[in-house]
Amino acid sequence: MKFEYLYRYNIESAYTPIRGPSQQAKSYKRRLYTALLTSIHAAAGFPGMRVQKLWPNIDWLRIWKNLNDAPVSEDTRCIWYHVIHDIIPTNVRLHQINMIPSDTCRRCTLTDTLEHRLLACGQGRKIWYYTKTLLARMIRTIPTRIPDDWPFRPHFSIRPSQKHRAILWLLANIVIFRMQQQSDLTLQDYIDFLHRTRWKLMRNKNGRTLVGNYLTVLDTN
């Protein structure tokens, strides 16, 4: 059928509730869009992205929007894109395709997964916990409530928008710092890196407008 996706949508829309009195127009339009997009992909046999198959219950539209909204350079955004889509050539992936003899980390004896590389190897645990303390101060919670998957799948939405972008900025920068893959980088190196990167952001005429005063959490230690 030439317009099979319209036929499918006509059937499936019968199960889509109409807009309620308390639902905003933007939210309702997004729900309709998602339903239509799902129908088109199903009719066309759309295979979906690898990460969507690995984490099917994640709001990938929100993740991609957050990636686009992060107030960082294009180079940083590009590296974060690779991390989010799990296309970093870790030793685990290279070993799976027989490119290297072992999947262990070159700097330690643990398996070189993406999570290990970003959050565990070297002083990774200290650096990630420090980052979680900064995030917790911004959100007004405790570090243990910050999900460990945020650097990989930032599927959250936080208000106001300046706080939201400040959180995205911090997550993007822990990713870019840890992806440097230098074994001697310490927590103090990371703190210094964040201060330099914030200074560069604030030199931009729109920097403070984008993140407000939320990055002053860097000065509370």
N, C-alpha and C. Protein backbone atom coordinates (compact mmCIF):
# COMPACT_ATOMS: atom_id res chain seq x y z
N MET A 1 0.85 -1.19 0.00
CA MET A 1 0.00 0.00 0.00
C MET A 1 0.89 1.25 0.00
N LYS A 2 0.60 2.18 -0.90
CA LYS A 2 1.47 3.34 -1.07
C LYS A 2 1.58 4.18 0.18
N PHE A 3 0.45 4.37 0.87
CA PHE A 3 0.43 5.19 2.08
C PHE A 3 0.05 4.32 3.29
N GLU A 4 0.78 3.22 3.41
CA GLU A 4 0.46 2.28 4.48
C GLU A 4 0.59 2.91 5.86
N TYR A 5 1.57 3.84 6.02
CA TYR A 5 1.77 4.44 7.33
C TYR A 5 0.55 5.27 7.76
N LEU A 6 -0.15 5.87 6.77
CA LEU A 6 -1.37 6.61 7.10
C LEU A 6 -2.48 5.65 7.53
N TYR A 7 -2.52 4.51 6.86
CA TYR A 7 -3.51 3.51 7.21
C TYR A 7 -3.26 3.01 8.64
N ARG A 8 -1.99 2.73 8.95
CA ARG A 8 -1.63 2.27 10.29
C ARG A 8 -1.94 3.33 11.34
N TYR A 9 -1.63 4.57 11.01
CA TYR A 9 -1.88 5.65 11.96
C TYR A 9 -3.38 5.82 12.21
N ASN A 10 -4.16 5.66 11.16
CA ASN A 10 -5.61 5.79 11.31
C ASN A 10 -6.16 4.74 12.27
N ILE A 11 -5.58 3.53 12.21
CA ILE A 11 -6.01 2.47 13.11
C ILE A 11 -5.51 2.72 14.53
N GLU A 12 -4.22 3.03 14.64
CA GLU A 12 -3.61 3.17 15.96
C GLU A 12 -4.05 4.44 16.67
N SER A 13 -4.44 5.45 15.93
CA SER A 13 -4.86 6.70 16.58
C SER A 13 -6.14 6.51 17.38
N ALA A 14 -6.86 5.44 17.08
CA ALA A 14 -8.07 5.16 17.85
C ALA A 14 -7.73 4.86 19.30
N TYR A 15 -6.48 4.44 19.54
CA TYR A 15 -6.05 4.12 20.89
C TYR A 15 -5.27 5.27 21.53
N THR A 16 -5.16 6.38 20.83
CA THR A 16 -4.47 7.55 21.37
C THR A 16 -5.49 8.47 22.04
N PRO A 17 -5.41 8.64 23.35
CA PRO A 17 -6.40 9.47 24.04
C PRO A 17 -6.39 10.90 23.50
N ILE A 18 -7.57 11.52 23.49
CA ILE A 18 -7.65 12.91 23.05
C ILE A 18 -7.04 13.80 24.12
N ARG A 19 -6.74 15.02 23.75
CA ARG A 19 -6.10 15.95 24.67
C ARG A 19 -7.01 16.26 25.85
N GLY A 20 -6.46 16.09 27.03
CA GLY A 20 -7.20 16.39 28.24
C GLY A 20 -7.18 17.86 28.57
N PRO A 21 -8.03 18.32 29.46
CA PRO A 21 -8.10 19.75 29.78
C PRO A 21 -6.85 20.28 30.46
N SER A 22 -6.09 19.40 31.12
CA SER A 22 -4.89 19.86 31.83
C SER A 22 -3.61 19.67 31.03
N GLN A 23 -3.71 19.08 29.86
CA GLN A 23 -2.51 18.82 29.06
C GLN A 23 -2.20 20.01 28.15
N GLN A 24 -0.96 20.44 28.16
CA GLN A 24 -0.55 21.56 27.33
C GLN A 24 -0.53 21.16 25.86
N ALA A 25 -0.75 22.14 25.00
CA ALA A 25 -0.80 21.88 23.55
C ALA A 25 0.52 21.30 23.05
N LYS A 26 1.64 21.83 23.57
CA LYS A 26 2.95 21.37 23.12
C LYS A 26 3.16 19.90 23.47
N SER A 27 2.76 19.52 24.68
CA SER A 27 2.90 18.13 25.10
C SER A 27 2.02 17.20 24.27
N TYR A 28 0.81 17.65 23.96
CA TYR A 28 -0.11 16.83 23.17
C TYR A 28 0.41 16.67 21.74
N LYS A 29 0.93 17.73 21.16
CA LYS A 29 1.48 17.64 19.80
C LYS A 29 2.66 16.70 19.75
N ARG A 30 3.50 16.74 20.80
CA ARG A 30 4.65 15.83 20.83
C ARG A 30 4.18 14.37 20.91
N ARG A 31 3.12 14.11 21.67
CA ARG A 31 2.60 12.75 21.77
C ARG A 31 2.06 12.27 20.43
N LEU A 32 1.36 13.14 19.73
CA LEU A 32 0.85 12.78 18.41
C LEU A 32 1.99 12.55 17.43
N TYR A 33 3.01 13.41 17.51
CA TYR A 33 4.16 13.27 16.62
C TYR A 33 4.86 11.94 16.86
N THR A 34 5.06 11.59 18.13
CA THR A 34 5.73 10.34 18.47
C THR A 34 4.93 9.15 17.98
N ALA A 35 3.60 9.21 18.13
CA ALA A 35 2.75 8.12 17.66
C ALA A 35 2.83 7.96 16.15
N LEU A 36 2.81 9.08 15.44
CA LEU A 36 2.90 9.04 13.98
C LEU A 36 4.27 8.52 13.53
N LEU A 37 5.32 8.99 14.19
CA LEU A 37 6.67 8.55 13.84
C LEU A 37 6.83 7.05 14.06
N THR A 38 6.29 6.56 15.17
CA THR A 38 6.35 5.12 15.45
C THR A 38 5.62 4.33 14.38
N SER A 39 4.49 4.82 13.93
CA SER A 39 3.72 4.13 12.90
C SER A 39 4.47 4.10 11.57
N ILE A 40 5.09 5.22 11.23
CA ILE A 40 5.85 5.28 9.98
C ILE A 40 7.00 4.28 10.01
N HIS A 41 7.73 4.26 11.13
CA HIS A 41 8.86 3.35 11.25
C HIS A 41 8.41 1.89 11.20
N ALA A 42 7.28 1.60 11.84
CA ALA A 42 6.79 0.22 11.84
C ALA A 42 6.38 -0.23 10.45
N ALA A 43 5.71 0.67 9.72
CA ALA A 43 5.26 0.33 8.38
C ALA A 43 6.42 0.17 7.42
N ALA A 44 7.47 0.96 7.63
CA ALA A 44 8.61 0.92 6.72
C ALA A 44 9.66 -0.10 7.14
N GLY A 45 9.40 -0.80 8.24
CA GLY A 45 10.38 -1.76 8.71
C GLY A 45 11.64 -1.08 9.21
N PHE A 46 11.48 0.10 9.80
CA PHE A 46 12.62 0.90 10.27
C PHE A 46 13.36 0.14 11.36
N PRO A 47 14.66 -0.13 11.19
CA PRO A 47 15.37 -0.96 12.16
C PRO A 47 15.69 -0.27 13.46
N GLY A 48 15.74 1.05 13.47
CA GLY A 48 16.10 1.78 14.67
C GLY A 48 17.60 1.80 14.89
N MET A 49 18.06 2.72 15.71
CA MET A 49 19.47 2.83 16.02
C MET A 49 19.85 1.77 17.04
N ARG A 50 21.14 1.44 17.06
CA ARG A 50 21.62 0.41 17.98
C ARG A 50 21.33 0.78 19.43
N VAL A 51 21.57 2.05 19.79
CA VAL A 51 21.35 2.46 21.18
C VAL A 51 19.87 2.40 21.54
N GLN A 52 19.00 2.65 20.57
CA GLN A 52 17.57 2.57 20.84
C GLN A 52 17.15 1.13 21.14
N LYS A 53 17.81 0.19 20.50
CA LYS A 53 17.53 -1.22 20.77
C LYS A 53 18.09 -1.66 22.12
N LEU A 54 19.26 -1.13 22.47
CA LEU A 54 19.87 -1.50 23.74
C LEU A 54 19.10 -0.91 24.92
N TRP A 55 18.59 0.32 24.76
CA TRP A 55 17.84 0.98 25.83
C TRP A 55 16.50 1.48 25.26
N PRO A 56 15.58 0.57 25.02
CA PRO A 56 14.33 0.95 24.34
C PRO A 56 13.39 1.81 25.18
N ASN A 57 13.58 1.83 26.47
CA ASN A 57 12.66 2.58 27.34
C ASN A 57 13.16 3.98 27.67
N ILE A 58 14.23 4.40 27.00
CA ILE A 58 14.80 5.72 27.22
C ILE A 58 14.17 6.72 26.25
N ASP A 59 13.96 7.94 26.72
CA ASP A 59 13.42 9.01 25.87
C ASP A 59 14.55 9.58 25.02
N TRP A 60 14.76 8.99 23.85
CA TRP A 60 15.88 9.40 23.00
C TRP A 60 15.66 10.77 22.38
N LEU A 61 14.43 11.15 22.16
CA LEU A 61 14.18 12.50 21.65
C LEU A 61 14.67 13.55 22.66
N ARG A 62 14.43 13.29 23.93
CA ARG A 62 14.90 14.19 24.98
C ARG A 62 16.43 14.21 25.02
N ILE A 63 17.07 13.05 24.89
CA ILE A 63 18.53 12.98 24.91
C ILE A 63 19.12 13.80 23.77
N TRP A 64 18.59 13.63 22.57
CA TRP A 64 19.12 14.36 21.42
C TRP A 64 18.89 15.86 21.55
N LYS A 65 17.76 16.23 22.13
CA LYS A 65 17.52 17.66 22.37
C LYS A 65 18.52 18.20 23.39
N ASN A 66 18.77 17.44 24.46
CA ASN A 66 19.74 17.87 25.46
C ASN A 66 21.14 17.99 24.86
N LEU A 67 21.50 17.05 24.02
CA LEU A 67 22.80 17.13 23.36
C LEU A 67 22.92 18.41 22.55
N ASN A 68 21.86 18.76 21.86
CA ASN A 68 21.86 19.98 21.04
C ASN A 68 21.85 21.24 21.89
N ASP A 69 21.22 21.18 23.05
CA ASP A 69 21.08 22.36 23.91
C ASP A 69 22.29 22.62 24.81
N ALA A 70 23.19 21.65 24.93
CA ALA A 70 24.34 21.82 25.82
C ALA A 70 25.19 23.01 25.37
N PRO A 71 25.50 23.96 26.26
CA PRO A 71 26.28 25.15 25.88
C PRO A 71 27.78 24.85 25.84
N VAL A 72 28.16 24.01 24.89
CA VAL A 72 29.56 23.60 24.75
C VAL A 72 29.97 23.75 23.29
N SER A 73 31.26 23.59 23.04
CA SER A 73 31.78 23.72 21.68
C SER A 73 31.31 22.55 20.81
N GLU A 74 31.43 22.72 19.51
CA GLU A 74 31.04 21.65 18.59
C GLU A 74 31.93 20.43 18.77
N ASP A 75 33.21 20.64 19.05
CA ASP A 75 34.11 19.51 19.27
C ASP A 75 33.67 18.69 20.48
N THR A 76 33.33 19.38 21.57
CA THR A 76 32.87 18.68 22.77
C THR A 76 31.56 17.97 22.50
N ARG A 77 30.65 18.64 21.80
CA ARG A 77 29.36 18.02 21.49
C ARG A 77 29.55 16.78 20.62
N CYS A 78 30.50 16.83 19.71
CA CYS A 78 30.76 15.69 18.83
C CYS A 78 31.25 14.48 19.62
N ILE A 79 32.16 14.71 20.57
CA ILE A 79 32.67 13.61 21.39
C ILE A 79 31.56 13.06 22.28
N TRP A 80 30.76 13.96 22.84
CA TRP A 80 29.64 13.50 23.68
C TRP A 80 28.65 12.70 22.84
N TYR A 81 28.46 13.08 21.60
CA TYR A 81 27.59 12.32 20.69
C TYR A 81 28.09 10.88 20.55
N HIS A 82 29.40 10.73 20.38
CA HIS A 82 29.97 9.39 20.23
C HIS A 82 29.78 8.57 21.50
N VAL A 83 29.92 9.21 22.65
CA VAL A 83 29.72 8.50 23.92
C VAL A 83 28.26 8.10 24.08
N ILE A 84 27.36 9.03 23.84
CA ILE A 84 25.93 8.77 23.98
C ILE A 84 25.48 7.64 23.07
N HIS A 85 26.01 7.59 21.86
CA HIS A 85 25.61 6.56 20.90
C HIS A 85 26.48 5.31 20.98
N ASP A 86 27.34 5.27 22.01
CA ASP A 86 28.14 4.07 22.29
C ASP A 86 28.93 3.61 21.07
N ILE A 87 29.62 4.55 20.45
CA ILE A 87 30.44 4.21 19.28
C ILE A 87 31.91 4.56 19.53
N ILE A 88 32.30 4.52 20.80
CA ILE A 88 33.70 4.70 21.19
C ILE A 88 34.41 3.34 21.05
N PRO A 89 35.58 3.29 20.42
CA PRO A 89 36.28 2.01 20.24
C PRO A 89 36.95 1.54 21.54
N THR A 90 36.16 1.12 22.51
CA THR A 90 36.72 0.56 23.73
C THR A 90 37.36 -0.79 23.42
N ASN A 91 38.17 -1.28 24.35
CA ASN A 91 38.81 -2.57 24.13
C ASN A 91 37.80 -3.71 24.07
N VAL A 92 36.68 -3.55 24.77
CA VAL A 92 35.64 -4.57 24.70
C VAL A 92 35.11 -4.69 23.27
N ARG A 93 34.83 -3.57 22.65
CA ARG A 93 34.30 -3.60 21.28
C ARG A 93 35.35 -4.07 20.29
N LEU A 94 36.59 -3.61 20.46
CA LEU A 94 37.66 -4.02 19.54
C LEU A 94 37.96 -5.51 19.68
N HIS A 95 37.86 -6.03 20.90
CA HIS A 95 38.10 -7.45 21.12
C HIS A 95 36.99 -8.29 20.48
N GLN A 96 35.77 -7.78 20.53
CA GLN A 96 34.65 -8.51 19.95
C GLN A 96 34.80 -8.72 18.45
N ILE A 97 35.49 -7.81 17.78
CA ILE A 97 35.68 -7.95 16.33
C ILE A 97 37.11 -8.37 15.99
N ASN A 98 37.79 -8.96 17.02
CA ASN A 98 39.12 -9.56 16.83
C ASN A 98 40.19 -8.56 16.37
N MET A 99 40.04 -7.32 16.83
CA MET A 99 41.04 -6.32 16.48
C MET A 99 42.20 -6.30 17.48
N ILE A 100 41.94 -6.71 18.71
CA ILE A 100 42.97 -6.77 19.74
C ILE A 100 42.81 -8.08 20.51
N PRO A 101 43.87 -8.57 21.16
CA PRO A 101 43.80 -9.88 21.82
C PRO A 101 43.05 -9.91 23.15
N SER A 102 42.85 -8.75 23.78
CA SER A 102 42.23 -8.73 25.11
C SER A 102 41.28 -7.55 25.24
N ASP A 103 40.28 -7.71 26.12
CA ASP A 103 39.34 -6.61 26.35
C ASP A 103 39.64 -5.86 27.63
N THR A 104 40.78 -6.12 28.23
CA THR A 104 41.11 -5.43 29.48
C THR A 104 41.70 -4.05 29.21
N CYS A 105 41.58 -3.20 30.21
CA CYS A 105 42.08 -1.83 30.11
C CYS A 105 43.60 -1.83 30.07
N ARG A 106 44.17 -0.95 29.30
CA ARG A 106 45.63 -0.86 29.19
C ARG A 106 46.26 -0.25 30.44
N ARG A 107 45.44 0.40 31.27
CA ARG A 107 45.98 1.06 32.46
C ARG A 107 45.72 0.29 33.75
N CYS A 108 44.84 -0.71 33.68
CA CYS A 108 44.54 -1.51 34.86
C CYS A 108 44.10 -2.89 34.38
N THR A 109 43.68 -3.74 35.28
CA THR A 109 43.34 -5.11 34.91
C THR A 109 41.84 -5.32 34.70
N LEU A 110 41.05 -4.25 34.76
CA LEU A 110 39.61 -4.37 34.61
C LEU A 110 39.19 -4.31 33.15
N THR A 111 37.97 -4.74 32.88
CA THR A 111 37.44 -4.74 31.52
C THR A 111 37.21 -3.32 31.05
N ASP A 112 37.67 -3.02 29.85
CA ASP A 112 37.62 -1.66 29.33
C ASP A 112 36.28 -1.39 28.63
N THR A 113 35.23 -1.25 29.45
CA THR A 113 33.94 -0.82 28.94
C THR A 113 33.91 0.70 28.88
N LEU A 114 32.87 1.24 28.27
CA LEU A 114 32.73 2.70 28.22
C LEU A 114 32.52 3.26 29.62
N GLU A 115 31.74 2.56 30.43
CA GLU A 115 31.49 3.01 31.80
C GLU A 115 32.78 3.00 32.62
N HIS A 116 33.59 1.98 32.42
CA HIS A 116 34.87 1.91 33.13
C HIS A 116 35.77 3.07 32.73
N ARG A 117 35.82 3.34 31.44
CA ARG A 117 36.71 4.38 30.94
C ARG A 117 36.32 5.76 31.45
N LEU A 118 35.04 6.03 31.53
CA LEU A 118 34.61 7.37 31.94
C LEU A 118 34.49 7.55 33.45
N LEU A 119 34.06 6.52 34.16
CA LEU A 119 33.69 6.72 35.55
C LEU A 119 34.53 5.95 36.57
N ALA A 120 35.41 5.06 36.12
CA ALA A 120 36.08 4.20 37.08
C ALA A 120 37.59 4.20 37.00
N CYS A 121 38.16 4.16 35.81
CA CYS A 121 39.59 3.98 35.67
C CYS A 121 40.38 5.14 36.29
N GLY A 122 41.53 4.81 36.87
CA GLY A 122 42.34 5.87 37.49
C GLY A 122 41.59 6.53 38.63
N GLN A 123 41.49 7.85 38.58
CA GLN A 123 40.75 8.58 39.59
C GLN A 123 39.31 8.87 39.14
N GLY A 124 38.82 8.02 38.25
CA GLY A 124 37.49 8.22 37.70
C GLY A 124 36.39 8.24 38.74
N ARG A 125 36.48 7.36 39.73
CA ARG A 125 35.43 7.33 40.76
C ARG A 125 35.42 8.62 41.58
N LYS A 126 36.61 9.12 41.92
CA LYS A 126 36.69 10.39 42.67
C LYS A 126 36.15 11.53 41.83
N ILE A 127 36.51 11.54 40.56
CA ILE A 127 36.07 12.62 39.67
C ILE A 127 34.56 12.59 39.47
N TRP A 128 34.01 11.39 39.30
CA TRP A 128 32.56 11.29 39.10
C TRP A 128 31.82 11.66 40.38
N TYR A 129 32.33 11.24 41.55
CA TYR A 129 31.65 11.61 42.79
C TYR A 129 31.70 13.11 43.02
N TYR A 130 32.83 13.72 42.70
CA TYR A 130 32.92 15.18 42.82
C TYR A 130 31.90 15.85 41.89
N THR A 131 31.77 15.32 40.67
CA THR A 131 30.80 15.87 39.72
C THR A 131 29.39 15.71 40.26
N LYS A 132 29.11 14.57 40.86
CA LYS A 132 27.77 14.35 41.43
C LYS A 132 27.48 15.31 42.58
N THR A 133 28.51 15.66 43.36
CA THR A 133 28.28 16.63 44.44
C THR A 133 27.91 18.00 43.86
N LEU A 134 28.55 18.38 42.75
CA LEU A 134 28.21 19.65 42.11
C LEU A 134 26.79 19.61 41.55
N LEU A 135 26.45 18.52 40.88
CA LEU A 135 25.10 18.37 40.34
C LEU A 135 24.06 18.38 41.46
N ALA A 136 24.38 17.70 42.55
CA ALA A 136 23.44 17.63 43.67
C ALA A 136 23.18 19.01 44.26
N ARG A 137 24.21 19.84 44.32
CA ARG A 137 24.03 21.20 44.84
C ARG A 137 23.13 22.01 43.93
N MET A 138 23.27 21.82 42.63
CA MET A 138 22.42 22.55 41.70
C MET A 138 20.97 22.11 41.80
N ILE A 139 20.76 20.81 41.97
CA ILE A 139 19.41 20.26 41.98
C ILE A 139 18.83 20.26 43.40
N ARG A 140 19.70 20.48 44.39
CA ARG A 140 19.31 20.48 45.80
C ARG A 140 18.86 19.08 46.22
N THR A 141 19.76 18.15 46.04
CA THR A 141 19.53 16.78 46.46
C THR A 141 20.85 16.24 47.01
N ILE A 142 20.99 14.93 47.11
CA ILE A 142 22.23 14.32 47.59
C ILE A 142 22.90 13.59 46.43
N PRO A 143 24.23 13.45 46.46
CA PRO A 143 24.96 12.86 45.33
C PRO A 143 24.47 11.47 44.93
N THR A 144 24.07 10.66 45.91
CA THR A 144 23.65 9.29 45.59
C THR A 144 22.37 9.24 44.76
N ARG A 145 21.66 10.36 44.69
CA ARG A 145 20.43 10.41 43.88
C ARG A 145 20.70 10.79 42.42
N ILE A 146 21.95 11.13 42.10
CA ILE A 146 22.30 11.45 40.73
C ILE A 146 22.55 10.14 39.98
N PRO A 147 21.79 9.85 38.93
CA PRO A 147 21.96 8.58 38.21
C PRO A 147 23.33 8.48 37.53
N ASP A 148 23.92 7.29 37.58
CA ASP A 148 25.23 7.07 36.97
C ASP A 148 25.16 7.04 35.44
N ASP A 149 23.97 6.99 34.88
CA ASP A 149 23.87 6.94 33.42
C ASP A 149 23.75 8.32 32.78
N TRP A 150 23.71 9.38 33.58
CA TRP A 150 23.54 10.72 33.00
C TRP A 150 24.64 11.10 32.00
N PRO A 151 25.92 10.77 32.23
CA PRO A 151 26.91 11.13 31.21
C PRO A 151 26.70 10.38 29.89
N PHE A 152 26.04 9.23 29.95
CA PHE A 152 25.84 8.40 28.76
C PHE A 152 24.47 8.60 28.12
N ARG A 153 23.46 8.83 28.97
CA ARG A 153 22.09 8.99 28.47
C ARG A 153 21.40 10.10 29.26
N PRO A 154 21.66 11.35 28.91
CA PRO A 154 21.06 12.49 29.64
C PRO A 154 19.59 12.68 29.26
N HIS A 155 18.74 11.87 29.85
CA HIS A 155 17.32 11.85 29.46
C HIS A 155 16.44 12.59 30.46
N PHE A 156 16.93 13.68 31.01
CA PHE A 156 16.20 14.42 32.03
C PHE A 156 15.75 15.78 31.49
N SER A 157 14.85 16.38 32.21
CA SER A 157 14.41 17.74 31.91
C SER A 157 14.23 18.46 33.24
N ILE A 158 14.97 19.54 33.43
CA ILE A 158 14.99 20.24 34.71
C ILE A 158 14.71 21.72 34.48
N ARG A 159 13.98 22.31 35.38
CA ARG A 159 13.67 23.74 35.31
C ARG A 159 14.35 24.47 36.46
N PRO A 160 14.71 25.74 36.23
CA PRO A 160 14.58 26.53 35.00
C PRO A 160 15.61 26.12 33.95
N SER A 161 15.47 26.71 32.77
CA SER A 161 16.31 26.33 31.64
C SER A 161 17.80 26.61 31.89
N GLN A 162 18.11 27.66 32.64
CA GLN A 162 19.52 27.97 32.91
C GLN A 162 20.16 26.87 33.76
N LYS A 163 19.44 26.37 34.75
CA LYS A 163 19.95 25.26 35.56
C LYS A 163 20.12 24.02 34.69
N HIS A 164 19.15 23.78 33.82
CA HIS A 164 19.20 22.63 32.92
C HIS A 164 20.45 22.67 32.04
N ARG A 165 20.74 23.83 31.47
CA ARG A 165 21.92 23.95 30.60
C ARG A 165 23.21 23.86 31.40
N ALA A 166 23.22 24.36 32.63
CA ALA A 166 24.41 24.26 33.48
C ALA A 166 24.72 22.80 33.78
N ILE A 167 23.70 22.01 34.02
CA ILE A 167 23.89 20.58 34.26
C ILE A 167 24.42 19.89 33.01
N LEU A 168 23.88 20.23 31.86
CA LEU A 168 24.37 19.67 30.60
C LEU A 168 25.83 20.06 30.37
N TRP A 169 26.16 21.29 30.68
CA TRP A 169 27.55 21.75 30.53
C TRP A 169 28.50 20.91 31.38
N LEU A 170 28.11 20.65 32.61
CA LEU A 170 28.97 19.89 33.51
C LEU A 170 29.11 18.45 33.04
N LEU A 171 28.03 17.83 32.61
CA LEU A 171 28.09 16.44 32.12
C LEU A 171 28.95 16.34 30.86
N ALA A 172 28.78 17.28 29.96
CA ALA A 172 29.57 17.26 28.73
C ALA A 172 31.06 17.40 29.04
N ASN A 173 31.38 18.19 30.05
CA ASN A 173 32.79 18.44 30.34
C ASN A 173 33.46 17.31 31.12
N ILE A 174 32.71 16.56 31.91
CA ILE A 174 33.34 15.38 32.50
C ILE A 174 33.63 14.35 31.42
N VAL A 175 32.76 14.28 30.42
CA VAL A 175 32.98 13.35 29.30
C VAL A 175 34.23 13.75 28.53
N ILE A 176 34.35 15.03 28.16
CA ILE A 176 35.49 15.46 27.35
C ILE A 176 36.79 15.33 28.14
N PHE A 177 36.74 15.58 29.44
CA PHE A 177 37.94 15.45 30.26
C PHE A 177 38.38 13.99 30.36
N ARG A 178 37.44 13.10 30.64
CA ARG A 178 37.79 11.70 30.82
C ARG A 178 38.18 11.02 29.51
N MET A 179 37.71 11.52 28.40
CA MET A 179 38.03 10.91 27.12
C MET A 179 39.43 11.28 26.64
N GLN A 180 40.13 12.12 27.39
CA GLN A 180 41.51 12.46 27.04
C GLN A 180 42.44 11.27 27.21
N GLN A 181 42.03 10.32 28.06
CA GLN A 181 42.77 9.07 28.23
C GLN A 181 44.23 9.28 28.63
N GLN A 182 44.44 10.16 29.58
CA GLN A 182 45.78 10.34 30.14
C GLN A 182 45.77 9.77 31.55
N SER A 183 46.62 8.81 31.79
CA SER A 183 46.57 8.05 33.04
C SER A 183 46.92 8.88 34.27
N ASP A 184 47.62 9.98 34.09
CA ASP A 184 48.08 10.75 35.25
C ASP A 184 47.15 11.90 35.60
N LEU A 185 46.01 12.02 34.95
CA LEU A 185 45.09 13.11 35.25
C LEU A 185 44.39 12.85 36.58
N THR A 186 44.39 13.86 37.44
CA THR A 186 43.86 13.72 38.80
C THR A 186 42.58 14.53 38.97
N LEU A 187 41.99 14.40 40.16
CA LEU A 187 40.82 15.19 40.49
C LEU A 187 41.14 16.68 40.44
N GLN A 188 42.31 17.07 40.91
CA GLN A 188 42.69 18.48 40.88
C GLN A 188 42.83 18.97 39.44
N ASP A 189 43.34 18.13 38.56
CA ASP A 189 43.42 18.49 37.14
C ASP A 189 42.01 18.74 36.59
N TYR A 190 41.08 17.91 37.01
CA TYR A 190 39.69 18.06 36.55
C TYR A 190 39.08 19.36 37.06
N ILE A 191 39.32 19.67 38.33
CA ILE A 191 38.78 20.91 38.90
C ILE A 191 39.36 22.12 38.16
N ASP A 192 40.66 22.09 37.91
CA ASP A 192 41.29 23.19 37.16
C ASP A 192 40.71 23.28 35.75
N PHE A 193 40.47 22.13 35.13
CA PHE A 193 39.89 22.10 33.79
C PHE A 193 38.50 22.74 33.78
N LEU A 194 37.70 22.43 34.78
CA LEU A 194 36.35 23.00 34.84
C LEU A 194 36.40 24.52 35.00
N HIS A 195 37.32 25.01 35.81
CA HIS A 195 37.44 26.46 36.01
C HIS A 195 37.88 27.15 34.72
N ARG A 196 38.82 26.54 34.00
CA ARG A 196 39.25 27.14 32.73
C ARG A 196 38.11 27.13 31.70
N THR A 197 37.39 26.03 31.65
CA THR A 197 36.30 25.91 30.68
C THR A 197 35.16 26.86 31.01
N ARG A 198 34.88 27.02 32.29
CA ARG A 198 33.85 27.99 32.69
C ARG A 198 34.28 29.40 32.31
N TRP A 199 35.55 29.72 32.52
CA TRP A 199 36.06 31.05 32.16
C TRP A 199 35.85 31.32 30.67
N LYS A 200 36.11 30.30 29.84
CA LYS A 200 35.91 30.46 28.40
C LYS A 200 34.43 30.67 28.09
N LEU A 201 33.56 29.94 28.78
CA LEU A 201 32.12 30.09 28.55
C LEU A 201 31.66 31.49 28.92
N MET A 202 32.15 32.00 30.05
CA MET A 202 31.71 33.31 30.51
C MET A 202 32.29 34.45 29.68
N ARG A 203 33.34 34.19 28.95
CA ARG A 203 33.87 35.21 28.03
C ARG A 203 32.91 35.43 26.86
N ASN A 204 32.15 34.39 26.55
CA ASN A 204 31.15 34.52 25.50
C ASN A 204 30.05 35.47 25.99
N LYS A 205 29.62 36.36 25.13
CA LYS A 205 28.64 37.36 25.55
C LYS A 205 27.31 36.75 25.98
N ASN A 206 27.03 35.52 25.53
CA ASN A 206 25.78 34.85 25.91
C ASN A 206 25.99 33.83 27.02
N GLY A 207 27.23 33.68 27.50
CA GLY A 207 27.53 32.64 28.47
C GLY A 207 26.69 32.72 29.72
N ARG A 208 26.69 33.87 30.37
CA ARG A 208 25.93 34.00 31.62
C ARG A 208 24.43 33.91 31.37
N THR A 209 23.99 34.37 30.23
CA THR A 209 22.57 34.25 29.90
C THR A 209 22.16 32.78 29.80
N LEU A 210 23.06 31.95 29.28
CA LEU A 210 22.75 30.53 29.07
C LEU A 210 22.67 29.75 30.38
N VAL A 211 23.60 29.99 31.30
CA VAL A 211 23.68 29.17 32.50
C VAL A 211 23.44 29.94 33.79
N GLY A 212 23.25 31.24 33.71
CA GLY A 212 23.00 32.03 34.90
C GLY A 212 24.17 31.96 35.88
N ASN A 213 23.86 31.86 37.17
CA ASN A 213 24.88 31.78 38.20
C ASN A 213 25.06 30.36 38.75
N TYR A 214 24.50 29.38 38.07
CA TYR A 214 24.51 28.02 38.60
C TYR A 214 25.91 27.41 38.66
N LEU A 215 26.81 27.86 37.80
CA LEU A 215 28.15 27.28 37.81
C LEU A 215 29.03 27.84 38.93
N THR A 216 28.48 28.71 39.75
CA THR A 216 29.22 29.17 40.92
C THR A 216 29.40 28.04 41.93
N VAL A 217 28.73 26.90 41.73
CA VAL A 217 28.96 25.74 42.61
C VAL A 217 30.41 25.30 42.54
N LEU A 218 31.13 25.67 41.49
CA LEU A 218 32.54 25.33 41.38
C LEU A 218 33.39 26.07 42.41
N ASP A 219 32.85 27.13 42.97
CA ASP A 219 33.63 27.95 43.91
C ASP A 219 33.30 27.64 45.37
N THR A 220 32.50 26.63 45.61
CA THR A 220 32.03 26.38 46.98
C THR A 220 32.94 25.43 47.75
N ASN A 221 34.01 24.95 47.10
CA ASN A 221 34.91 24.01 47.79
C ASN A 221 36.03 24.77 48.51
